[in-house]
Amino acid sequence: MEERQEKNIEQILDIMKDSYNQYYNRMQSIDNKSGFFIAFHAAVLLLVVDPENIKEILQIHCSNLGDTLKYASIAIFTIFAFILAIIAICLFIFSLKSRNIKYLPATICDDKYYNCENIDLKKELIKGYKEIAQYNEKIIEKKHSLYNYASIITLIQVIFIGIKLIFQMI
């Protein structure tokens, strides 16, 4: 009976270790994607906030209603793209900042664990991994939520930039 229990505890511990590593890898993946999108939005801001482009829009003398509507539309889509880029950057940064994942507590190195039975140590490790898993799952859900909102805003922003470019070509 005791041998079977120890084998089960060993398997559970291995599963918990793998789960712990998966949380870390998922966290890294979201952070890498967020970093890429922050750089993407910085490039978009440079495109949208091009001083020459803004100067050209402001200095155009509209000769007819069509030109007035065209340049007003370009200005509106530029402003919306700029606002969406700022919002998306903030959300991606917030997703990076919510990185407070838990690790195994340092107390696992206390002297009392050196002299305990191996099975007791494994039980303590499983308990620690379980608490970590529950906490880290909440953090990853928050990161995913922020990342998903920022991705949706990015998609809308790209559509606005596309519409703006179409108006500029007309």
N, C-alpha and C. Protein backbone atom coordinates (compact mmCIF):
# COMPACT_ATOMS: atom_id res chain seq x y z
N MET A 1 0.83 -1.20 0.00
CA MET A 1 0.00 0.00 0.00
C MET A 1 0.87 1.26 0.00
N GLU A 2 1.87 1.28 0.88
CA GLU A 2 2.73 2.46 1.00
C GLU A 2 3.55 2.67 -0.27
N GLU A 3 3.98 1.60 -0.90
CA GLU A 3 4.75 1.70 -2.13
C GLU A 3 3.90 2.31 -3.25
N ARG A 4 2.63 1.89 -3.32
CA ARG A 4 1.73 2.43 -4.33
C ARG A 4 1.48 3.92 -4.07
N GLN A 5 1.31 4.29 -2.82
CA GLN A 5 1.08 5.69 -2.47
C GLN A 5 2.29 6.53 -2.85
N GLU A 6 3.48 6.02 -2.58
CA GLU A 6 4.69 6.78 -2.93
C GLU A 6 4.82 6.92 -4.44
N LYS A 7 4.47 5.88 -5.19
CA LYS A 7 4.52 5.94 -6.65
C LYS A 7 3.51 6.96 -7.17
N ASN A 8 2.32 6.98 -6.60
CA ASN A 8 1.30 7.95 -7.00
C ASN A 8 1.75 9.38 -6.70
N ILE A 9 2.34 9.57 -5.54
CA ILE A 9 2.84 10.90 -5.17
C ILE A 9 3.94 11.34 -6.13
N GLU A 10 4.79 10.42 -6.52
CA GLU A 10 5.86 10.73 -7.48
C GLU A 10 5.26 11.16 -8.82
N GLN A 11 4.23 10.46 -9.28
CA GLN A 11 3.58 10.83 -10.54
C GLN A 11 2.91 12.19 -10.44
N ILE A 12 2.22 12.43 -9.35
CA ILE A 12 1.56 13.73 -9.14
C ILE A 12 2.60 14.84 -9.12
N LEU A 13 3.70 14.61 -8.45
CA LEU A 13 4.77 15.61 -8.39
C LEU A 13 5.32 15.90 -9.79
N ASP A 14 5.52 14.87 -10.58
CA ASP A 14 6.00 15.08 -11.95
C ASP A 14 5.00 15.89 -12.77
N ILE A 15 3.73 15.60 -12.62
CA ILE A 15 2.68 16.34 -13.33
C ILE A 15 2.69 17.80 -12.89
N MET A 16 2.82 18.05 -11.60
CA MET A 16 2.82 19.41 -11.09
C MET A 16 4.05 20.18 -11.57
N LYS A 17 5.20 19.52 -11.64
CA LYS A 17 6.41 20.17 -12.16
C LYS A 17 6.22 20.56 -13.62
N ASP A 18 5.65 19.64 -14.41
CA ASP A 18 5.40 19.94 -15.82
C ASP A 18 4.43 21.10 -15.96
N SER A 19 3.40 21.09 -15.15
CA SER A 19 2.41 22.17 -15.18
C SER A 19 3.07 23.50 -14.84
N TYR A 20 3.92 23.50 -13.85
CA TYR A 20 4.65 24.70 -13.44
C TYR A 20 5.47 25.24 -14.61
N ASN A 21 6.17 24.36 -15.31
CA ASN A 21 6.98 24.77 -16.46
C ASN A 21 6.11 25.28 -17.59
N GLN A 22 4.93 24.69 -17.78
CA GLN A 22 4.02 25.16 -18.82
C GLN A 22 3.52 26.57 -18.52
N TYR A 23 3.24 26.86 -17.26
CA TYR A 23 2.82 28.22 -16.89
C TYR A 23 3.91 29.21 -17.25
N TYR A 24 5.13 28.87 -16.93
CA TYR A 24 6.25 29.76 -17.23
C TYR A 24 6.37 29.97 -18.74
N ASN A 25 6.27 28.89 -19.52
CA ASN A 25 6.39 29.01 -20.98
C ASN A 25 5.24 29.81 -21.57
N ARG A 26 4.04 29.62 -21.06
CA ARG A 26 2.90 30.40 -21.54
C ARG A 26 3.10 31.88 -21.23
N MET A 27 3.62 32.16 -20.06
CA MET A 27 3.89 33.54 -19.66
C MET A 27 4.91 34.17 -20.60
N GLN A 28 5.96 33.44 -20.90
CA GLN A 28 7.00 33.95 -21.80
C GLN A 28 6.44 34.20 -23.20
N SER A 29 5.59 33.30 -23.66
CA SER A 29 5.01 33.43 -25.00
C SER A 29 4.16 34.70 -25.10
N ILE A 30 3.31 34.93 -24.12
CA ILE A 30 2.47 36.14 -24.13
C ILE A 30 3.35 37.38 -24.07
N ASP A 31 4.36 37.36 -23.23
CA ASP A 31 5.26 38.52 -23.10
C ASP A 31 5.99 38.81 -24.41
N ASN A 32 6.44 37.76 -25.10
CA ASN A 32 7.12 37.95 -26.38
C ASN A 32 6.19 38.56 -27.42
N LYS A 33 4.96 38.06 -27.48
CA LYS A 33 3.99 38.61 -28.44
C LYS A 33 3.66 40.06 -28.09
N SER A 34 3.49 40.35 -26.82
CA SER A 34 3.19 41.72 -26.41
C SER A 34 4.33 42.66 -26.78
N GLY A 35 5.56 42.22 -26.57
CA GLY A 35 6.72 43.03 -26.94
C GLY A 35 6.76 43.32 -28.43
N PHE A 36 6.44 42.32 -29.24
CA PHE A 36 6.39 42.51 -30.69
C PHE A 36 5.33 43.56 -31.04
N PHE A 37 4.15 43.44 -30.45
CA PHE A 37 3.07 44.37 -30.79
C PHE A 37 3.35 45.79 -30.28
N ILE A 38 4.07 45.93 -29.20
CA ILE A 38 4.44 47.28 -28.75
C ILE A 38 5.34 47.92 -29.80
N ALA A 39 6.30 47.15 -30.32
CA ALA A 39 7.18 47.68 -31.38
C ALA A 39 6.37 47.99 -32.64
N PHE A 40 5.41 47.13 -32.98
CA PHE A 40 4.55 47.37 -34.13
C PHE A 40 3.80 48.68 -33.97
N HIS A 41 3.24 48.91 -32.81
CA HIS A 41 2.48 50.13 -32.58
C HIS A 41 3.38 51.36 -32.58
N ALA A 42 4.60 51.23 -32.13
CA ALA A 42 5.53 52.36 -32.20
C ALA A 42 5.76 52.74 -33.66
N ALA A 43 5.90 51.73 -34.52
CA ALA A 43 6.06 52.01 -35.95
C ALA A 43 4.80 52.65 -36.53
N VAL A 44 3.65 52.17 -36.10
CA VAL A 44 2.38 52.74 -36.57
C VAL A 44 2.27 54.20 -36.14
N LEU A 45 2.66 54.48 -34.91
CA LEU A 45 2.61 55.87 -34.44
C LEU A 45 3.50 56.77 -35.27
N LEU A 46 4.66 56.26 -35.66
CA LEU A 46 5.55 57.05 -36.52
C LEU A 46 4.90 57.30 -37.88
N LEU A 47 4.17 56.31 -38.37
CA LEU A 47 3.48 56.47 -39.64
C LEU A 47 2.33 57.46 -39.52
N VAL A 48 1.55 57.32 -38.46
CA VAL A 48 0.36 58.14 -38.28
C VAL A 48 0.71 59.57 -37.91
N VAL A 49 1.73 59.75 -37.10
CA VAL A 49 2.08 61.08 -36.60
C VAL A 49 3.23 61.68 -37.40
N ASP A 50 3.30 61.37 -38.66
CA ASP A 50 4.31 61.95 -39.54
C ASP A 50 4.05 63.45 -39.67
N PRO A 51 4.97 64.30 -39.22
CA PRO A 51 4.74 65.75 -39.24
C PRO A 51 4.42 66.29 -40.64
N GLU A 52 5.06 65.75 -41.66
CA GLU A 52 4.80 66.21 -43.03
C GLU A 52 3.36 65.89 -43.43
N ASN A 53 2.91 64.71 -43.06
CA ASN A 53 1.55 64.30 -43.39
C ASN A 53 0.53 65.21 -42.69
N ILE A 54 0.77 65.49 -41.42
CA ILE A 54 -0.14 66.36 -40.66
C ILE A 54 -0.11 67.77 -41.24
N LYS A 55 1.08 68.27 -41.55
CA LYS A 55 1.22 69.62 -42.12
C LYS A 55 0.47 69.71 -43.45
N GLU A 56 0.60 68.66 -44.26
CA GLU A 56 -0.08 68.64 -45.56
C GLU A 56 -1.60 68.68 -45.39
N ILE A 57 -2.11 67.90 -44.46
CA ILE A 57 -3.56 67.88 -44.23
C ILE A 57 -4.06 69.24 -43.75
N LEU A 58 -3.30 69.89 -42.87
CA LEU A 58 -3.72 71.17 -42.32
C LEU A 58 -3.61 72.31 -43.32
N GLN A 59 -2.69 72.23 -44.28
CA GLN A 59 -2.46 73.32 -45.21
C GLN A 59 -3.27 73.23 -46.50
N ILE A 60 -3.97 72.16 -46.69
CA ILE A 60 -4.72 71.99 -47.94
C ILE A 60 -5.92 72.92 -47.94
N HIS A 61 -6.03 73.62 -49.03
CA HIS A 61 -7.18 74.51 -49.21
C HIS A 61 -8.19 73.74 -50.05
N CYS A 62 -9.28 73.43 -49.46
CA CYS A 62 -10.29 72.63 -50.12
C CYS A 62 -11.08 73.49 -51.09
N SER A 63 -11.10 73.06 -52.34
CA SER A 63 -11.79 73.84 -53.37
C SER A 63 -13.24 73.42 -53.52
N ASN A 64 -13.55 72.21 -53.08
CA ASN A 64 -14.95 71.78 -53.19
C ASN A 64 -15.31 70.90 -51.99
N LEU A 65 -16.57 70.54 -51.92
CA LEU A 65 -17.07 69.74 -50.79
C LEU A 65 -16.43 68.36 -50.76
N GLY A 66 -16.17 67.79 -51.94
CA GLY A 66 -15.54 66.46 -52.01
C GLY A 66 -14.16 66.46 -51.37
N ASP A 67 -13.36 67.46 -51.69
CA ASP A 67 -12.02 67.56 -51.09
C ASP A 67 -12.11 67.76 -49.58
N THR A 68 -13.05 68.59 -49.17
CA THR A 68 -13.22 68.85 -47.74
C THR A 68 -13.57 67.56 -47.00
N LEU A 69 -14.50 66.78 -47.54
CA LEU A 69 -14.88 65.51 -46.92
C LEU A 69 -13.73 64.51 -46.92
N LYS A 70 -12.98 64.48 -48.02
CA LYS A 70 -11.84 63.56 -48.13
C LYS A 70 -10.81 63.85 -47.04
N TYR A 71 -10.40 65.11 -46.91
CA TYR A 71 -9.37 65.44 -45.94
C TYR A 71 -9.87 65.39 -44.50
N ALA A 72 -11.15 65.68 -44.32
CA ALA A 72 -11.73 65.52 -42.98
C ALA A 72 -11.75 64.05 -42.59
N SER A 73 -12.09 63.18 -43.54
CA SER A 73 -12.10 61.73 -43.27
C SER A 73 -10.69 61.23 -42.96
N ILE A 74 -9.72 61.70 -43.73
CA ILE A 74 -8.32 61.30 -43.48
C ILE A 74 -7.90 61.73 -42.08
N ALA A 75 -8.26 62.95 -41.71
CA ALA A 75 -7.90 63.46 -40.38
C ALA A 75 -8.59 62.64 -39.29
N ILE A 76 -9.85 62.33 -39.48
CA ILE A 76 -10.60 61.55 -38.46
C ILE A 76 -10.00 60.15 -38.31
N PHE A 77 -9.73 59.46 -39.42
CA PHE A 77 -9.15 58.12 -39.33
C PHE A 77 -7.74 58.15 -38.76
N THR A 78 -6.99 59.21 -39.02
CA THR A 78 -5.66 59.37 -38.43
C THR A 78 -5.78 59.52 -36.92
N ILE A 79 -6.69 60.34 -36.47
CA ILE A 79 -6.89 60.55 -35.02
C ILE A 79 -7.33 59.25 -34.35
N PHE A 80 -8.29 58.53 -34.97
CA PHE A 80 -8.74 57.27 -34.39
C PHE A 80 -7.61 56.25 -34.34
N ALA A 81 -6.81 56.16 -35.40
CA ALA A 81 -5.70 55.22 -35.42
C ALA A 81 -4.68 55.56 -34.33
N PHE A 82 -4.43 56.86 -34.14
CA PHE A 82 -3.51 57.30 -33.10
C PHE A 82 -4.04 56.92 -31.71
N ILE A 83 -5.29 57.20 -31.45
CA ILE A 83 -5.89 56.88 -30.14
C ILE A 83 -5.88 55.38 -29.89
N LEU A 84 -6.25 54.60 -30.90
CA LEU A 84 -6.25 53.14 -30.75
C LEU A 84 -4.84 52.60 -30.52
N ALA A 85 -3.84 53.19 -31.17
CA ALA A 85 -2.46 52.76 -30.96
C ALA A 85 -2.03 53.00 -29.52
N ILE A 86 -2.38 54.15 -28.97
CA ILE A 86 -2.03 54.47 -27.58
C ILE A 86 -2.72 53.50 -26.62
N ILE A 87 -4.01 53.24 -26.87
CA ILE A 87 -4.76 52.31 -26.01
C ILE A 87 -4.15 50.91 -26.08
N ALA A 88 -3.85 50.45 -27.29
CA ALA A 88 -3.27 49.11 -27.46
C ALA A 88 -1.91 49.01 -26.78
N ILE A 89 -1.08 50.03 -26.95
CA ILE A 89 0.23 50.02 -26.29
C ILE A 89 0.06 49.91 -24.78
N CYS A 90 -0.85 50.67 -24.22
CA CYS A 90 -1.09 50.62 -22.77
C CYS A 90 -1.54 49.22 -22.34
N LEU A 91 -2.46 48.62 -23.09
CA LEU A 91 -2.92 47.27 -22.74
C LEU A 91 -1.79 46.25 -22.84
N PHE A 92 -0.97 46.35 -23.88
CA PHE A 92 0.16 45.42 -24.00
C PHE A 92 1.15 45.63 -22.85
N ILE A 93 1.39 46.86 -22.48
CA ILE A 93 2.30 47.12 -21.35
C ILE A 93 1.70 46.58 -20.06
N PHE A 94 0.40 46.77 -19.84
CA PHE A 94 -0.25 46.21 -18.65
C PHE A 94 -0.16 44.69 -18.65
N SER A 95 -0.25 44.08 -19.83
CA SER A 95 -0.12 42.62 -19.87
C SER A 95 1.30 42.19 -19.50
N LEU A 96 2.29 43.02 -19.83
CA LEU A 96 3.66 42.71 -19.42
C LEU A 96 3.86 42.92 -17.92
N LYS A 97 3.21 43.94 -17.39
CA LYS A 97 3.40 44.26 -15.97
C LYS A 97 2.72 43.24 -15.05
N SER A 98 1.73 42.52 -15.55
CA SER A 98 1.04 41.55 -14.70
C SER A 98 1.82 40.23 -14.72
N ARG A 99 3.05 40.32 -14.35
CA ARG A 99 3.95 39.18 -14.43
C ARG A 99 4.29 38.61 -13.06
N ASN A 100 3.56 38.93 -12.06
CA ASN A 100 3.89 38.50 -10.70
C ASN A 100 3.50 37.05 -10.45
N ILE A 101 4.18 36.14 -11.14
CA ILE A 101 3.88 34.73 -10.93
C ILE A 101 4.58 34.26 -9.67
N LYS A 102 4.07 33.18 -9.11
CA LYS A 102 4.66 32.62 -7.90
C LYS A 102 5.65 31.52 -8.28
N TYR A 103 6.63 31.37 -7.44
CA TYR A 103 7.62 30.32 -7.57
C TYR A 103 7.59 29.48 -6.31
N LEU A 104 8.35 28.41 -6.33
CA LEU A 104 8.43 27.59 -5.12
C LEU A 104 8.98 28.43 -3.98
N PRO A 105 8.36 28.33 -2.82
CA PRO A 105 8.84 29.14 -1.70
C PRO A 105 10.22 28.70 -1.23
N ALA A 106 10.97 29.65 -0.78
CA ALA A 106 12.32 29.36 -0.28
C ALA A 106 12.29 28.50 0.97
N THR A 107 11.15 28.43 1.63
CA THR A 107 11.05 27.62 2.84
C THR A 107 11.25 26.14 2.57
N ILE A 108 11.17 25.73 1.30
CA ILE A 108 11.38 24.33 0.96
C ILE A 108 12.83 23.93 1.25
N CYS A 109 13.69 24.91 1.43
CA CYS A 109 15.10 24.65 1.74
C CYS A 109 15.37 24.66 3.24
N ASP A 110 14.35 24.79 4.04
CA ASP A 110 14.53 24.80 5.50
C ASP A 110 15.07 23.46 6.00
N ASP A 111 15.77 23.52 7.11
CA ASP A 111 16.40 22.33 7.69
C ASP A 111 15.40 21.21 7.98
N LYS A 112 14.19 21.56 8.34
CA LYS A 112 13.22 20.52 8.70
C LYS A 112 12.95 19.56 7.55
N TYR A 113 13.14 19.99 6.32
CA TYR A 113 12.89 19.12 5.18
C TYR A 113 14.07 18.20 4.87
N TYR A 114 15.26 18.53 5.37
CA TYR A 114 16.42 17.68 5.16
C TYR A 114 16.28 16.34 5.87
N ASN A 115 15.65 16.37 7.02
CA ASN A 115 15.57 15.18 7.86
C ASN A 115 14.23 14.46 7.77
N CYS A 116 13.30 14.97 6.99
CA CYS A 116 11.98 14.34 6.93
C CYS A 116 12.01 13.17 5.93
N GLU A 117 10.98 12.39 5.98
CA GLU A 117 10.83 11.28 5.04
C GLU A 117 10.66 11.83 3.63
N ASN A 118 11.16 11.11 2.66
CA ASN A 118 11.08 11.54 1.27
C ASN A 118 9.63 11.76 0.85
N ILE A 119 8.75 10.91 1.29
CA ILE A 119 7.33 11.04 0.92
C ILE A 119 6.73 12.32 1.50
N ASP A 120 7.17 12.70 2.69
CA ASP A 120 6.66 13.93 3.30
C ASP A 120 7.16 15.17 2.54
N LEU A 121 8.39 15.10 2.10
CA LEU A 121 8.94 16.20 1.30
C LEU A 121 8.15 16.33 -0.01
N LYS A 122 7.90 15.21 -0.65
CA LYS A 122 7.16 15.23 -1.90
C LYS A 122 5.74 15.77 -1.68
N LYS A 123 5.12 15.40 -0.60
CA LYS A 123 3.78 15.92 -0.29
C LYS A 123 3.82 17.44 -0.11
N GLU A 124 4.85 17.91 0.55
CA GLU A 124 5.00 19.35 0.75
C GLU A 124 5.23 20.08 -0.58
N LEU A 125 6.04 19.46 -1.45
CA LEU A 125 6.26 20.04 -2.77
C LEU A 125 4.96 20.09 -3.58
N ILE A 126 4.18 19.03 -3.52
CA ILE A 126 2.90 18.99 -4.24
C ILE A 126 1.99 20.09 -3.73
N LYS A 127 1.95 20.26 -2.42
CA LYS A 127 1.12 21.31 -1.82
C LYS A 127 1.56 22.69 -2.34
N GLY A 128 2.87 22.91 -2.39
CA GLY A 128 3.40 24.18 -2.88
C GLY A 128 3.08 24.39 -4.35
N TYR A 129 3.27 23.35 -5.16
CA TYR A 129 2.96 23.46 -6.59
C TYR A 129 1.48 23.72 -6.82
N LYS A 130 0.63 23.13 -6.01
CA LYS A 130 -0.81 23.33 -6.16
C LYS A 130 -1.18 24.80 -5.91
N GLU A 131 -0.64 25.37 -4.85
CA GLU A 131 -0.91 26.79 -4.55
C GLU A 131 -0.38 27.68 -5.66
N ILE A 132 0.80 27.37 -6.15
CA ILE A 132 1.41 28.14 -7.23
C ILE A 132 0.54 28.05 -8.49
N ALA A 133 0.08 26.86 -8.82
CA ALA A 133 -0.72 26.66 -10.03
C ALA A 133 -2.01 27.46 -9.96
N GLN A 134 -2.67 27.46 -8.82
CA GLN A 134 -3.92 28.20 -8.68
C GLN A 134 -3.68 29.70 -8.84
N TYR A 135 -2.63 30.21 -8.24
CA TYR A 135 -2.32 31.63 -8.34
C TYR A 135 -1.90 32.01 -9.77
N ASN A 136 -0.99 31.22 -10.35
CA ASN A 136 -0.47 31.54 -11.67
C ASN A 136 -1.55 31.47 -12.75
N GLU A 137 -2.52 30.59 -12.57
CA GLU A 137 -3.61 30.49 -13.55
C GLU A 137 -4.38 31.81 -13.62
N LYS A 138 -4.61 32.43 -12.47
CA LYS A 138 -5.30 33.72 -12.45
C LYS A 138 -4.47 34.80 -13.16
N ILE A 139 -3.17 34.80 -12.93
CA ILE A 139 -2.29 35.78 -13.56
C ILE A 139 -2.29 35.58 -15.08
N ILE A 140 -2.20 34.35 -15.52
CA ILE A 140 -2.16 34.08 -16.97
C ILE A 140 -3.50 34.45 -17.60
N GLU A 141 -4.60 34.19 -16.92
CA GLU A 141 -5.90 34.59 -17.46
C GLU A 141 -5.98 36.10 -17.63
N LYS A 142 -5.45 36.84 -16.65
CA LYS A 142 -5.43 38.30 -16.74
C LYS A 142 -4.58 38.75 -17.92
N LYS A 143 -3.40 38.14 -18.08
CA LYS A 143 -2.51 38.49 -19.19
C LYS A 143 -3.19 38.19 -20.53
N HIS A 144 -3.82 37.02 -20.64
CA HIS A 144 -4.52 36.66 -21.87
C HIS A 144 -5.64 37.65 -22.17
N SER A 145 -6.36 38.03 -21.16
CA SER A 145 -7.48 38.96 -21.35
C SER A 145 -6.97 40.30 -21.88
N LEU A 146 -5.95 40.85 -21.24
CA LEU A 146 -5.37 42.12 -21.70
C LEU A 146 -4.81 41.99 -23.12
N TYR A 147 -4.12 40.90 -23.37
CA TYR A 147 -3.54 40.67 -24.69
C TYR A 147 -4.65 40.57 -25.75
N ASN A 148 -5.73 39.85 -25.44
CA ASN A 148 -6.81 39.70 -26.41
C ASN A 148 -7.49 41.04 -26.72
N TYR A 149 -7.75 41.84 -25.68
CA TYR A 149 -8.34 43.16 -25.92
C TYR A 149 -7.42 44.02 -26.79
N ALA A 150 -6.14 44.01 -26.48
CA ALA A 150 -5.18 44.80 -27.25
C ALA A 150 -5.10 44.30 -28.69
N SER A 151 -5.21 43.00 -28.90
CA SER A 151 -5.17 42.45 -30.26
C SER A 151 -6.40 42.89 -31.06
N ILE A 152 -7.56 42.90 -30.43
CA ILE A 152 -8.78 43.35 -31.11
C ILE A 152 -8.65 44.82 -31.48
N ILE A 153 -8.14 45.63 -30.57
CA ILE A 153 -7.94 47.05 -30.84
C ILE A 153 -6.93 47.23 -31.98
N THR A 154 -5.91 46.39 -32.00
CA THR A 154 -4.91 46.45 -33.08
C THR A 154 -5.57 46.16 -34.42
N LEU A 155 -6.43 45.17 -34.47
CA LEU A 155 -7.13 44.84 -35.71
C LEU A 155 -7.99 46.02 -36.18
N ILE A 156 -8.72 46.61 -35.27
CA ILE A 156 -9.55 47.77 -35.62
C ILE A 156 -8.67 48.92 -36.12
N GLN A 157 -7.55 49.12 -35.44
CA GLN A 157 -6.63 50.18 -35.84
C GLN A 157 -6.09 49.95 -37.24
N VAL A 158 -5.73 48.73 -37.56
CA VAL A 158 -5.22 48.42 -38.90
C VAL A 158 -6.30 48.69 -39.95
N ILE A 159 -7.54 48.37 -39.64
CA ILE A 159 -8.65 48.66 -40.56
C ILE A 159 -8.77 50.17 -40.77
N PHE A 160 -8.69 50.94 -39.70
CA PHE A 160 -8.76 52.40 -39.82
C PHE A 160 -7.61 52.94 -40.66
N ILE A 161 -6.43 52.41 -40.47
CA ILE A 161 -5.27 52.86 -41.26
C ILE A 161 -5.48 52.49 -42.73
N GLY A 162 -6.02 51.31 -42.98
CA GLY A 162 -6.31 50.92 -44.36
C GLY A 162 -7.32 51.84 -45.01
N ILE A 163 -8.38 52.19 -44.29
CA ILE A 163 -9.39 53.12 -44.81
C ILE A 163 -8.76 54.48 -45.07
N LYS A 164 -7.93 54.93 -44.14
CA LYS A 164 -7.25 56.22 -44.29
C LYS A 164 -6.38 56.22 -45.56
N LEU A 165 -5.65 55.14 -45.78
CA LEU A 165 -4.80 55.04 -46.96
C LEU A 165 -5.63 55.03 -48.25
N ILE A 166 -6.79 54.39 -48.20
CA ILE A 166 -7.67 54.39 -49.38
C ILE A 166 -8.13 55.81 -49.67
N PHE A 167 -8.53 56.55 -48.63
CA PHE A 167 -8.94 57.95 -48.84
C PHE A 167 -7.79 58.79 -49.39
N GLN A 168 -6.58 58.51 -48.96
CA GLN A 168 -5.43 59.29 -49.45
C GLN A 168 -5.14 59.00 -50.91
N MET A 169 -5.47 57.80 -51.36
CA MET A 169 -5.21 57.44 -52.77
C MET A 169 -6.29 57.98 -53.70
N ILE A 170 -7.44 58.30 -53.16
CA ILE A 170 -8.54 58.80 -54.01
C ILE A 170 -8.24 60.19 -54.50
